N, C-alpha and C. Protein backbone atom coordinates (compact mmCIF):
# COMPACT_ATOMS: atom_id res chain seq x y z
N MET A 1 54.18 -47.79 -70.85
CA MET A 1 55.28 -47.76 -69.84
C MET A 1 55.26 -46.53 -69.05
N ALA A 2 54.67 -45.48 -69.63
CA ALA A 2 54.79 -44.20 -68.92
C ALA A 2 53.72 -43.99 -67.78
N ALA A 3 52.68 -44.93 -67.82
CA ALA A 3 51.59 -44.84 -66.69
C ALA A 3 52.17 -45.21 -65.40
N PRO A 4 52.96 -46.28 -65.25
CA PRO A 4 53.54 -46.54 -63.90
C PRO A 4 54.38 -45.47 -63.36
N ALA A 5 55.09 -44.89 -64.29
CA ALA A 5 55.96 -43.74 -63.83
C ALA A 5 55.14 -42.59 -63.25
N LYS A 6 53.94 -42.31 -63.88
CA LYS A 6 53.15 -41.27 -63.48
C LYS A 6 52.48 -41.50 -62.17
N SER A 7 52.11 -42.80 -61.92
CA SER A 7 51.52 -43.22 -60.67
C SER A 7 52.56 -43.18 -59.59
N THR A 8 53.76 -43.53 -59.88
CA THR A 8 54.86 -43.55 -58.87
C THR A 8 55.09 -42.04 -58.41
N ASP A 9 55.13 -41.12 -59.41
CA ASP A 9 55.31 -39.81 -59.12
C ASP A 9 54.17 -39.17 -58.27
N ALA A 10 52.98 -39.63 -58.63
CA ALA A 10 51.75 -39.11 -57.84
C ALA A 10 51.86 -39.67 -56.33
N SER A 11 52.30 -40.95 -56.23
CA SER A 11 52.33 -41.43 -54.84
C SER A 11 53.33 -40.82 -54.05
N LEU A 12 54.49 -40.53 -54.77
CA LEU A 12 55.68 -39.77 -54.04
C LEU A 12 55.20 -38.34 -53.71
N SER A 13 54.45 -37.69 -54.56
CA SER A 13 53.96 -36.39 -54.24
C SER A 13 52.99 -36.33 -53.08
N VAL A 14 52.07 -37.36 -53.05
CA VAL A 14 51.12 -37.50 -51.89
C VAL A 14 51.80 -37.80 -50.75
N THR A 15 52.77 -38.67 -50.74
CA THR A 15 53.61 -38.98 -49.47
C THR A 15 54.43 -37.70 -48.91
N ALA A 16 54.94 -36.95 -49.94
CA ALA A 16 55.69 -35.79 -49.55
C ALA A 16 54.66 -34.69 -48.94
N GLY A 17 53.49 -34.63 -49.58
CA GLY A 17 52.64 -33.68 -49.00
C GLY A 17 52.09 -34.01 -47.67
N HIS A 18 51.91 -35.39 -47.34
CA HIS A 18 51.50 -35.85 -46.10
C HIS A 18 52.57 -35.61 -45.08
N SER A 19 53.80 -35.83 -45.47
CA SER A 19 54.90 -35.59 -44.43
C SER A 19 55.04 -34.16 -44.27
N ALA A 20 54.79 -33.31 -45.23
CA ALA A 20 54.79 -31.89 -44.93
C ALA A 20 53.83 -31.34 -44.03
N ASN A 21 52.64 -32.03 -44.13
CA ASN A 21 51.41 -31.74 -43.21
C ASN A 21 51.75 -32.14 -41.78
N VAL A 22 52.34 -33.34 -41.67
CA VAL A 22 52.70 -33.83 -40.33
C VAL A 22 53.68 -32.93 -39.72
N SER A 23 54.82 -32.65 -40.44
CA SER A 23 55.79 -31.76 -39.88
C SER A 23 55.38 -30.37 -39.53
N SER A 24 54.46 -29.84 -40.37
CA SER A 24 53.87 -28.58 -39.89
C SER A 24 52.88 -28.65 -38.74
N ALA A 25 52.24 -29.71 -38.65
CA ALA A 25 51.41 -29.93 -37.38
C ALA A 25 52.22 -30.09 -36.16
N GLU A 26 53.34 -30.77 -36.26
CA GLU A 26 54.30 -30.91 -35.19
C GLU A 26 54.96 -29.64 -34.88
N ASN A 27 55.24 -28.83 -35.89
CA ASN A 27 55.76 -27.52 -35.52
C ASN A 27 54.78 -26.63 -34.88
N VAL A 28 53.54 -26.68 -35.23
CA VAL A 28 52.49 -25.85 -34.64
C VAL A 28 52.39 -26.29 -33.17
N SER A 29 52.33 -27.62 -32.88
CA SER A 29 52.15 -28.18 -31.51
C SER A 29 53.39 -27.81 -30.69
N LEU A 30 54.61 -27.85 -31.32
CA LEU A 30 55.77 -27.45 -30.57
C LEU A 30 55.74 -25.98 -30.25
N GLN A 31 55.42 -25.15 -31.21
CA GLN A 31 55.33 -23.79 -30.89
C GLN A 31 54.37 -23.46 -29.81
N TYR A 32 53.22 -24.11 -29.92
CA TYR A 32 52.22 -23.94 -28.86
C TYR A 32 52.66 -24.32 -27.43
N SER A 33 53.34 -25.41 -27.40
CA SER A 33 53.90 -25.83 -26.08
C SER A 33 54.95 -24.90 -25.60
N LEU A 34 55.87 -24.34 -26.54
CA LEU A 34 56.79 -23.34 -26.05
C LEU A 34 56.09 -22.01 -25.54
N ILE A 35 54.97 -21.64 -26.22
CA ILE A 35 54.22 -20.58 -25.72
C ILE A 35 53.66 -20.79 -24.34
N LEU A 36 53.08 -21.95 -24.10
CA LEU A 36 52.54 -22.36 -22.76
C LEU A 36 53.64 -22.33 -21.70
N ASP A 37 54.84 -22.84 -22.12
CA ASP A 37 56.04 -22.74 -21.10
C ASP A 37 56.33 -21.29 -20.77
N HIS A 38 56.28 -20.47 -21.62
CA HIS A 38 56.59 -19.12 -21.41
C HIS A 38 55.47 -18.40 -20.75
N LEU A 39 54.30 -18.78 -20.78
CA LEU A 39 53.12 -18.17 -20.09
C LEU A 39 52.86 -18.69 -18.78
N ILE A 40 52.83 -20.04 -18.63
CA ILE A 40 52.48 -20.65 -17.34
C ILE A 40 53.46 -21.70 -16.98
N GLY A 41 54.42 -21.93 -17.68
CA GLY A 41 55.36 -23.01 -17.38
C GLY A 41 56.52 -22.58 -16.51
N ASP A 42 57.57 -23.44 -16.52
CA ASP A 42 58.83 -23.12 -15.80
C ASP A 42 59.56 -21.85 -16.23
N LYS A 43 59.37 -21.61 -17.60
CA LYS A 43 60.13 -20.37 -18.19
C LYS A 43 59.36 -19.16 -18.04
N ARG A 44 58.24 -19.14 -17.31
CA ARG A 44 57.50 -18.00 -17.08
C ARG A 44 58.29 -17.03 -16.30
N GLN A 45 58.39 -15.76 -16.79
CA GLN A 45 59.09 -14.71 -16.05
C GLN A 45 58.20 -13.96 -15.10
N VAL A 46 58.59 -13.88 -13.83
CA VAL A 46 57.81 -13.17 -12.75
C VAL A 46 58.16 -11.72 -12.98
N LYS A 47 57.09 -10.92 -13.17
CA LYS A 47 57.26 -9.46 -13.31
C LYS A 47 56.73 -8.82 -12.10
N ASP A 48 57.51 -7.72 -11.86
CA ASP A 48 57.16 -6.91 -10.61
C ASP A 48 56.08 -5.88 -10.98
N LEU A 49 55.00 -6.02 -10.46
CA LEU A 49 53.81 -5.19 -10.75
C LEU A 49 53.94 -3.84 -10.07
N ASN A 50 54.50 -2.94 -10.82
CA ASN A 50 54.76 -1.55 -10.32
C ASN A 50 53.47 -0.84 -10.34
N PRO A 51 52.95 -0.20 -9.31
CA PRO A 51 51.67 0.55 -9.36
C PRO A 51 51.74 1.63 -10.42
N THR A 52 52.90 2.28 -10.60
CA THR A 52 53.00 3.37 -11.55
C THR A 52 52.80 2.92 -12.95
N VAL A 53 53.27 1.64 -13.28
CA VAL A 53 53.11 1.13 -14.62
C VAL A 53 51.57 0.78 -14.96
N MET A 54 50.83 0.29 -13.79
CA MET A 54 49.48 0.01 -13.88
C MET A 54 48.59 1.18 -13.88
N GLY A 55 49.04 2.27 -13.75
CA GLY A 55 48.21 3.52 -13.62
C GLY A 55 47.79 3.90 -12.27
N ALA A 56 48.25 3.34 -11.31
CA ALA A 56 47.80 3.71 -9.91
C ALA A 56 48.85 4.69 -9.32
N LEU A 57 48.62 5.17 -8.17
CA LEU A 57 49.42 6.15 -7.53
C LEU A 57 50.65 5.38 -6.91
N PRO A 58 51.82 5.88 -7.05
CA PRO A 58 53.03 5.26 -6.43
C PRO A 58 52.98 5.18 -5.02
N SER A 59 53.42 4.01 -4.49
CA SER A 59 53.53 3.75 -3.03
C SER A 59 54.98 3.68 -2.64
N PRO A 60 55.42 4.46 -1.73
CA PRO A 60 56.84 4.40 -1.40
C PRO A 60 57.16 3.03 -0.59
N GLN A 61 58.40 2.70 -0.75
CA GLN A 61 58.80 1.40 -0.15
C GLN A 61 58.94 1.67 1.40
N LYS A 62 58.50 0.68 2.12
CA LYS A 62 58.65 0.84 3.54
C LYS A 62 60.06 0.64 4.11
N THR A 63 60.58 1.37 5.01
CA THR A 63 61.80 1.19 5.53
C THR A 63 61.79 0.19 6.60
N ASP A 64 63.04 -0.27 7.04
CA ASP A 64 63.15 -1.29 8.06
C ASP A 64 62.43 -0.79 9.31
N GLU A 65 62.56 0.49 9.70
CA GLU A 65 62.00 0.93 10.92
C GLU A 65 60.49 0.90 10.79
N GLN A 66 59.82 1.17 9.74
CA GLN A 66 58.37 1.10 9.58
C GLN A 66 57.99 -0.34 9.71
N LYS A 67 58.71 -1.20 9.06
CA LYS A 67 58.35 -2.68 9.13
C LYS A 67 58.51 -3.17 10.58
N MET A 68 59.52 -2.67 11.32
CA MET A 68 59.66 -3.17 12.73
C MET A 68 58.53 -2.56 13.62
N ILE A 69 58.11 -1.26 13.27
CA ILE A 69 56.99 -0.77 14.13
C ILE A 69 55.69 -1.58 13.80
N GLU A 70 55.40 -1.92 12.57
CA GLU A 70 54.27 -2.62 12.12
C GLU A 70 54.34 -4.07 12.86
N ARG A 71 55.41 -4.62 12.84
CA ARG A 71 55.42 -6.03 13.54
C ARG A 71 55.23 -5.91 15.03
N GLY A 72 55.74 -4.86 15.65
CA GLY A 72 55.53 -4.54 17.07
C GLY A 72 54.04 -4.30 17.41
N MET A 73 53.36 -3.44 16.49
CA MET A 73 51.99 -3.22 16.67
C MET A 73 51.08 -4.42 16.52
N GLU A 74 51.56 -5.35 15.77
CA GLU A 74 50.68 -6.51 15.46
C GLU A 74 51.13 -7.58 16.48
N SER A 75 52.01 -7.43 17.37
CA SER A 75 52.32 -8.43 18.36
C SER A 75 51.22 -8.61 19.40
N CYS A 76 51.28 -9.74 19.94
CA CYS A 76 50.29 -9.95 21.07
C CYS A 76 50.52 -9.20 22.29
N ALA A 77 51.81 -8.72 22.54
CA ALA A 77 52.07 -7.93 23.81
C ALA A 77 51.61 -6.52 23.61
N PHE A 78 51.61 -5.96 22.45
CA PHE A 78 51.16 -4.71 22.12
C PHE A 78 49.61 -4.68 22.19
N LYS A 79 49.05 -5.65 21.59
CA LYS A 79 47.54 -5.72 21.66
C LYS A 79 47.08 -5.88 23.16
N SER A 80 47.75 -6.70 23.90
CA SER A 80 47.38 -6.90 25.35
C SER A 80 47.54 -5.51 26.04
N LEU A 81 48.57 -4.76 25.75
CA LEU A 81 48.79 -3.51 26.45
C LEU A 81 47.72 -2.59 26.08
N ILE A 82 47.29 -2.46 24.84
CA ILE A 82 46.28 -1.60 24.34
C ILE A 82 44.93 -1.88 25.11
N ALA A 83 44.63 -3.30 25.11
CA ALA A 83 43.38 -3.69 25.75
C ALA A 83 43.46 -3.40 27.29
N CYS A 84 44.68 -3.50 27.90
CA CYS A 84 44.69 -3.19 29.37
C CYS A 84 44.54 -1.74 29.66
N VAL A 85 45.03 -0.82 28.83
CA VAL A 85 44.93 0.49 29.00
C VAL A 85 43.53 0.89 28.72
N GLY A 86 42.91 0.40 27.70
CA GLY A 86 41.52 0.66 27.38
C GLY A 86 40.53 0.25 28.47
N GLY A 87 40.84 -0.91 28.95
CA GLY A 87 40.06 -1.54 29.97
C GLY A 87 40.13 -0.71 31.26
N PHE A 88 41.34 -0.17 31.60
CA PHE A 88 41.59 0.54 32.76
C PHE A 88 40.68 1.85 32.72
N VAL A 89 40.79 2.54 31.53
CA VAL A 89 40.01 3.78 31.40
C VAL A 89 38.51 3.48 31.37
N LEU A 90 38.06 2.44 30.72
CA LEU A 90 36.60 2.22 30.68
C LEU A 90 36.03 1.75 32.07
N GLY A 91 36.92 0.88 32.75
CA GLY A 91 36.42 0.46 34.09
C GLY A 91 36.46 1.61 35.00
N GLY A 92 37.44 2.57 35.00
CA GLY A 92 37.41 3.65 35.97
C GLY A 92 36.14 4.57 35.62
N ALA A 93 35.90 4.86 34.42
CA ALA A 93 34.74 5.58 34.14
C ALA A 93 33.43 4.99 34.56
N PHE A 94 33.33 3.75 34.43
CA PHE A 94 32.15 2.93 34.87
C PHE A 94 32.05 2.94 36.34
N GLY A 95 33.08 2.69 37.03
CA GLY A 95 33.09 2.66 38.48
C GLY A 95 32.63 4.13 39.03
N VAL A 96 33.25 5.13 38.45
CA VAL A 96 32.84 6.50 38.91
C VAL A 96 31.39 6.69 38.60
N PHE A 97 30.81 6.20 37.51
CA PHE A 97 29.42 6.47 37.19
C PHE A 97 28.50 5.71 38.09
N THR A 98 28.90 4.41 38.41
CA THR A 98 28.06 3.70 39.31
C THR A 98 28.07 4.22 40.77
N ALA A 99 29.22 4.73 41.04
CA ALA A 99 29.33 5.49 42.45
C ALA A 99 28.59 6.67 42.48
N GLY A 100 28.47 7.40 41.41
CA GLY A 100 27.72 8.58 41.36
C GLY A 100 26.23 8.46 41.47
N ILE A 101 25.71 7.31 41.08
CA ILE A 101 24.20 7.05 41.17
C ILE A 101 23.94 6.13 42.49
N ASP A 102 24.95 5.84 43.10
CA ASP A 102 24.68 4.99 44.31
C ASP A 102 24.35 5.99 45.63
N ALA A 103 23.27 5.76 46.24
CA ALA A 103 22.85 6.64 47.37
C ALA A 103 23.65 6.31 48.58
N ASN A 104 24.25 5.26 48.70
CA ASN A 104 24.97 4.88 49.85
C ASN A 104 26.51 5.22 49.78
N VAL A 105 26.89 5.87 48.72
CA VAL A 105 28.37 6.18 48.62
C VAL A 105 28.72 7.15 49.74
N GLY A 106 29.82 6.99 50.39
CA GLY A 106 30.30 7.92 51.34
C GLY A 106 29.71 7.73 52.75
N LEU A 107 28.76 6.88 52.95
CA LEU A 107 28.19 6.77 54.24
C LEU A 107 29.00 5.91 55.12
N ASP A 108 29.00 6.26 56.35
CA ASP A 108 29.81 5.64 57.40
C ASP A 108 28.94 4.46 58.03
N PRO A 109 29.35 3.25 57.92
CA PRO A 109 28.65 2.14 58.45
C PRO A 109 28.34 2.27 59.97
N LYS A 110 29.22 2.93 60.67
CA LYS A 110 28.95 3.07 62.24
C LYS A 110 27.98 4.11 62.46
N ASP A 111 27.83 5.09 61.51
CA ASP A 111 26.85 6.19 61.81
C ASP A 111 26.16 6.48 60.44
N PRO A 112 25.12 5.64 59.98
CA PRO A 112 24.57 5.78 58.77
C PRO A 112 23.58 6.97 58.57
N LEU A 113 23.21 7.55 59.75
CA LEU A 113 22.40 8.71 59.65
C LEU A 113 23.15 10.08 59.49
N ARG A 114 24.48 9.98 59.54
CA ARG A 114 25.29 11.22 59.35
C ARG A 114 25.45 11.48 57.85
N THR A 115 25.28 12.74 57.50
CA THR A 115 25.42 13.02 56.15
C THR A 115 26.89 13.00 55.70
N PRO A 116 27.32 12.36 54.65
CA PRO A 116 28.72 12.38 54.26
C PRO A 116 29.16 13.65 53.66
N THR A 117 30.42 14.07 53.88
CA THR A 117 31.01 15.27 53.30
C THR A 117 31.39 14.95 51.81
N ALA A 118 31.64 16.10 51.12
CA ALA A 118 32.13 15.91 49.69
C ALA A 118 33.31 15.16 49.54
N ARG A 119 34.16 15.40 50.49
CA ARG A 119 35.48 14.79 50.35
C ARG A 119 35.35 13.26 50.50
N GLU A 120 34.40 12.88 51.46
CA GLU A 120 34.24 11.37 51.65
C GLU A 120 33.61 10.66 50.38
N VAL A 121 32.71 11.50 49.85
CA VAL A 121 32.01 11.02 48.65
C VAL A 121 33.01 10.88 47.49
N LEU A 122 33.86 11.95 47.37
CA LEU A 122 34.84 11.70 46.30
C LEU A 122 35.80 10.62 46.49
N ARG A 123 36.22 10.45 47.77
CA ARG A 123 37.19 9.34 48.07
C ARG A 123 36.50 8.05 47.70
N ASP A 124 35.34 7.75 48.13
CA ASP A 124 34.69 6.55 47.81
C ASP A 124 34.41 6.31 46.26
N MET A 125 34.14 7.42 45.61
CA MET A 125 34.02 7.27 44.13
C MET A 125 35.37 7.00 43.46
N GLY A 126 36.53 7.53 44.01
CA GLY A 126 37.74 7.13 43.52
C GLY A 126 38.18 5.75 43.87
N GLN A 127 37.90 5.33 44.98
CA GLN A 127 38.26 3.94 45.34
C GLN A 127 37.39 2.86 44.49
N ARG A 128 36.16 3.20 44.19
CA ARG A 128 35.42 2.29 43.43
C ARG A 128 35.76 2.38 41.99
N GLY A 129 36.09 3.62 41.45
CA GLY A 129 36.56 3.76 40.08
C GLY A 129 37.90 2.96 39.92
N MET A 130 38.98 3.06 40.94
CA MET A 130 40.07 2.36 40.82
C MET A 130 39.94 0.82 40.84
N SER A 131 39.05 0.41 41.69
CA SER A 131 38.71 -1.04 41.68
C SER A 131 38.15 -1.65 40.41
N TYR A 132 37.25 -0.81 39.88
CA TYR A 132 36.59 -1.25 38.51
C TYR A 132 37.78 -1.09 37.48
N ALA A 133 38.53 -0.17 37.60
CA ALA A 133 39.63 0.00 36.43
C ALA A 133 40.53 -1.14 36.59
N LYS A 134 40.92 -1.64 37.77
CA LYS A 134 41.87 -2.73 37.77
C LYS A 134 41.28 -4.01 37.19
N ASN A 135 40.07 -4.31 37.64
CA ASN A 135 39.35 -5.49 37.11
C ASN A 135 39.22 -5.44 35.62
N PHE A 136 38.72 -4.38 35.05
CA PHE A 136 38.52 -4.27 33.62
C PHE A 136 39.87 -4.42 32.98
N ALA A 137 40.96 -3.84 33.42
CA ALA A 137 42.29 -3.89 32.78
C ALA A 137 42.77 -5.40 32.77
N ILE A 138 42.62 -6.01 33.89
CA ILE A 138 43.09 -7.40 33.93
C ILE A 138 42.26 -8.35 32.94
N VAL A 139 40.92 -8.09 32.89
CA VAL A 139 40.16 -8.94 32.05
C VAL A 139 40.35 -8.56 30.63
N GLY A 140 40.66 -7.31 30.24
CA GLY A 140 40.93 -6.91 28.88
C GLY A 140 42.25 -7.52 28.37
N ALA A 141 43.27 -7.35 29.27
CA ALA A 141 44.53 -7.94 28.87
C ALA A 141 44.55 -9.49 28.75
N MET A 142 43.86 -10.19 29.53
CA MET A 142 43.74 -11.61 29.43
C MET A 142 42.98 -11.98 28.12
N PHE A 143 41.88 -11.29 27.98
CA PHE A 143 41.18 -11.66 26.75
C PHE A 143 41.91 -11.37 25.46
N SER A 144 42.53 -10.30 25.38
CA SER A 144 43.27 -9.90 24.19
C SER A 144 44.38 -10.72 23.99
N CYS A 145 45.16 -11.16 24.99
CA CYS A 145 46.40 -11.88 24.91
C CYS A 145 46.04 -13.41 24.43
N THR A 146 44.96 -13.98 25.09
CA THR A 146 44.64 -15.35 24.74
C THR A 146 43.99 -15.39 23.36
N GLU A 147 43.27 -14.31 22.91
CA GLU A 147 42.67 -14.28 21.54
C GLU A 147 43.77 -14.27 20.54
N CYS A 148 44.82 -13.40 20.78
CA CYS A 148 45.94 -13.28 19.88
C CYS A 148 46.71 -14.55 19.74
N ILE A 149 46.96 -15.13 20.89
CA ILE A 149 47.71 -16.44 20.89
C ILE A 149 46.97 -17.59 20.14
N ILE A 150 45.60 -17.65 20.35
CA ILE A 150 44.73 -18.65 19.62
C ILE A 150 44.66 -18.44 18.19
N GLU A 151 44.60 -17.08 17.83
CA GLU A 151 44.57 -16.71 16.45
C GLU A 151 45.87 -17.07 15.76
N SER A 152 46.99 -16.77 16.37
CA SER A 152 48.21 -17.14 15.80
C SER A 152 48.44 -18.71 15.74
N HIS A 153 47.86 -19.36 16.61
CA HIS A 153 48.06 -20.86 16.53
C HIS A 153 47.18 -21.47 15.46
N ARG A 154 45.82 -20.92 15.35
CA ARG A 154 44.91 -21.49 14.40
C ARG A 154 45.18 -20.98 13.00
N GLY A 155 45.83 -19.82 12.84
CA GLY A 155 45.99 -19.19 11.57
C GLY A 155 44.73 -18.68 10.94
N LYS A 156 43.76 -18.46 11.69
CA LYS A 156 42.50 -17.99 11.17
C LYS A 156 42.02 -16.76 12.01
N SER A 157 41.15 -15.97 11.49
CA SER A 157 40.59 -14.86 12.17
C SER A 157 39.03 -14.97 11.96
N ASP A 158 38.51 -15.63 12.86
CA ASP A 158 36.98 -15.77 12.79
C ASP A 158 36.36 -15.66 14.24
N TRP A 159 35.05 -16.00 14.36
CA TRP A 159 34.43 -15.79 15.73
C TRP A 159 34.88 -16.79 16.68
N LYS A 160 35.42 -17.86 16.26
CA LYS A 160 35.80 -18.98 17.22
C LYS A 160 36.96 -18.45 18.14
N ASN A 161 37.86 -17.68 17.63
CA ASN A 161 38.87 -17.11 18.50
C ASN A 161 38.30 -16.40 19.69
N ALA A 162 37.38 -15.56 19.50
CA ALA A 162 36.81 -14.90 20.62
C ALA A 162 36.09 -15.75 21.50
N VAL A 163 35.45 -16.72 21.00
CA VAL A 163 34.68 -17.64 21.90
C VAL A 163 35.58 -18.46 22.79
N TYR A 164 36.71 -18.93 22.16
CA TYR A 164 37.68 -19.71 22.94
C TYR A 164 38.37 -18.89 24.04
N SER A 165 38.67 -17.58 23.50
CA SER A 165 39.38 -16.72 24.48
C SER A 165 38.48 -16.23 25.63
N GLY A 166 37.18 -16.00 25.30
CA GLY A 166 36.23 -15.78 26.38
C GLY A 166 36.12 -16.89 27.30
N CYS A 167 36.01 -18.15 26.89
CA CYS A 167 35.88 -19.31 27.78
C CYS A 167 37.19 -19.41 28.71
N ILE A 168 38.33 -19.19 28.13
CA ILE A 168 39.56 -19.33 28.82
C ILE A 168 39.52 -18.15 29.93
N THR A 169 39.30 -17.02 29.56
CA THR A 169 39.27 -15.87 30.44
C THR A 169 38.27 -15.95 31.61
N GLY A 170 37.09 -16.30 31.22
CA GLY A 170 36.01 -16.42 32.24
C GLY A 170 36.31 -17.65 33.23
N GLY A 171 36.85 -18.73 32.59
CA GLY A 171 37.19 -19.86 33.48
C GLY A 171 38.36 -19.61 34.45
N ALA A 172 39.26 -18.86 33.90
CA ALA A 172 40.47 -18.45 34.76
C ALA A 172 39.98 -17.50 35.92
N ILE A 173 39.07 -16.57 35.64
CA ILE A 173 38.51 -15.72 36.62
C ILE A 173 37.68 -16.47 37.62
N GLY A 174 36.87 -17.27 37.12
CA GLY A 174 35.81 -17.94 37.97
C GLY A 174 36.39 -19.07 38.89
N PHE A 175 37.59 -19.65 38.33
CA PHE A 175 38.15 -20.81 39.12
C PHE A 175 38.65 -20.33 40.48
N ARG A 176 38.85 -19.12 40.73
CA ARG A 176 39.28 -18.63 42.01
C ARG A 176 38.23 -18.90 43.05
N ALA A 177 36.94 -18.90 42.60
CA ALA A 177 35.82 -19.21 43.60
C ALA A 177 35.42 -20.63 43.56
N GLY A 178 36.05 -21.50 42.74
CA GLY A 178 35.67 -22.95 42.76
C GLY A 178 35.47 -23.40 41.36
N LEU A 179 35.23 -24.75 41.23
CA LEU A 179 35.09 -25.28 39.92
C LEU A 179 33.75 -24.95 39.23
N LYS A 180 32.65 -24.96 40.00
CA LYS A 180 31.42 -24.53 39.41
C LYS A 180 31.40 -23.12 38.91
N ALA A 181 32.06 -22.21 39.65
CA ALA A 181 32.20 -20.78 39.23
C ALA A 181 32.94 -20.66 38.02
N GLY A 182 34.05 -21.45 37.87
CA GLY A 182 34.91 -21.48 36.67
C GLY A 182 34.17 -21.95 35.49
N VAL A 183 33.29 -23.04 35.54
CA VAL A 183 32.55 -23.54 34.42
C VAL A 183 31.47 -22.43 34.05
N LEU A 184 30.85 -21.83 34.96
CA LEU A 184 29.82 -20.78 34.66
C LEU A 184 30.51 -19.64 34.05
N GLY A 185 31.70 -19.20 34.55
CA GLY A 185 32.36 -18.13 34.03
C GLY A 185 32.85 -18.42 32.56
N CYS A 186 33.31 -19.73 32.32
CA CYS A 186 33.73 -20.04 30.93
C CYS A 186 32.61 -19.97 30.03
N GLY A 187 31.37 -20.51 30.43
CA GLY A 187 30.29 -20.47 29.50
C GLY A 187 29.70 -19.10 29.32
N GLY A 188 29.66 -18.33 30.47
CA GLY A 188 29.12 -16.97 30.24
C GLY A 188 29.96 -16.01 29.31
N PHE A 189 31.33 -16.10 29.64
CA PHE A 189 32.15 -15.20 28.72
C PHE A 189 32.23 -15.73 27.37
N ALA A 190 32.13 -16.99 27.13
CA ALA A 190 32.00 -17.49 25.72
C ALA A 190 30.77 -17.14 25.00
N ALA A 191 29.64 -17.17 25.74
CA ALA A 191 28.34 -16.80 25.15
C ALA A 191 28.41 -15.28 24.78
N PHE A 192 28.92 -14.46 25.88
CA PHE A 192 28.97 -12.97 25.59
C PHE A 192 29.92 -12.65 24.35
N SER A 193 30.99 -13.28 24.38
CA SER A 193 31.93 -13.05 23.21
C SER A 193 31.32 -13.54 21.93
N ALA A 194 30.64 -14.63 21.95
CA ALA A 194 29.97 -15.13 20.60
C ALA A 194 28.88 -13.96 20.24
N ALA A 195 28.10 -13.51 21.25
CA ALA A 195 27.04 -12.47 20.89
C ALA A 195 27.76 -11.19 20.34
N ILE A 196 28.79 -10.83 20.97
CA ILE A 196 29.45 -9.57 20.46
C ILE A 196 30.04 -9.71 19.07
N GLU A 197 30.67 -10.92 18.83
CA GLU A 197 31.21 -11.17 17.47
C GLU A 197 30.15 -11.31 16.46
N TYR A 198 29.00 -11.88 16.74
CA TYR A 198 27.80 -12.00 15.84
C TYR A 198 27.33 -10.58 15.53
N TYR A 199 27.28 -9.69 16.55
CA TYR A 199 26.81 -8.35 16.27
C TYR A 199 27.77 -7.62 15.45
N LEU A 200 29.10 -7.63 15.72
CA LEU A 200 30.02 -6.88 14.93
C LEU A 200 30.23 -7.36 13.56
N ARG A 201 30.09 -8.66 13.32
CA ARG A 201 30.36 -9.20 12.03
C ARG A 201 29.03 -9.26 11.19
């Protein structure tokens, strides 16, 4: 009569051991899920990565004036202004240079055999430099403005922005002389912009 009692006790102990193993496994999986929630789940705490804590040099916080200046310098109007001024200076220097190597500068069409004076030569050089400066300034401002607008619209900074901007700028300049000139200007400026971007990148 004692044997059934021992078997019953053994089965109860096995069942209790199995239940303990199952509960321990569930506790382990539950703890693991809680750890995951704190690491990558909704309960994850967002920490402020302070450079001083990470061993780097401290960077001061930017003031509102500094942020406003940065936004102004990144605006399309400021970029267009910089391109306009740069184009004006570059165009003026190029115009003066071409006038300096031109043998016909300062000559009077009515009397081509007369030797021009230094004042006449300087006046023609100034006029040519101013003409080149205006043209370069207009082209630079148009190109920079259209490129900035296209980049803001596309949300990408790649070579396509310069190609599109070059086509628009060249087409707008060439269309004053007709449709064919506009198409040629678009293609020429686009190809030139693509070559420059390929060389710079």
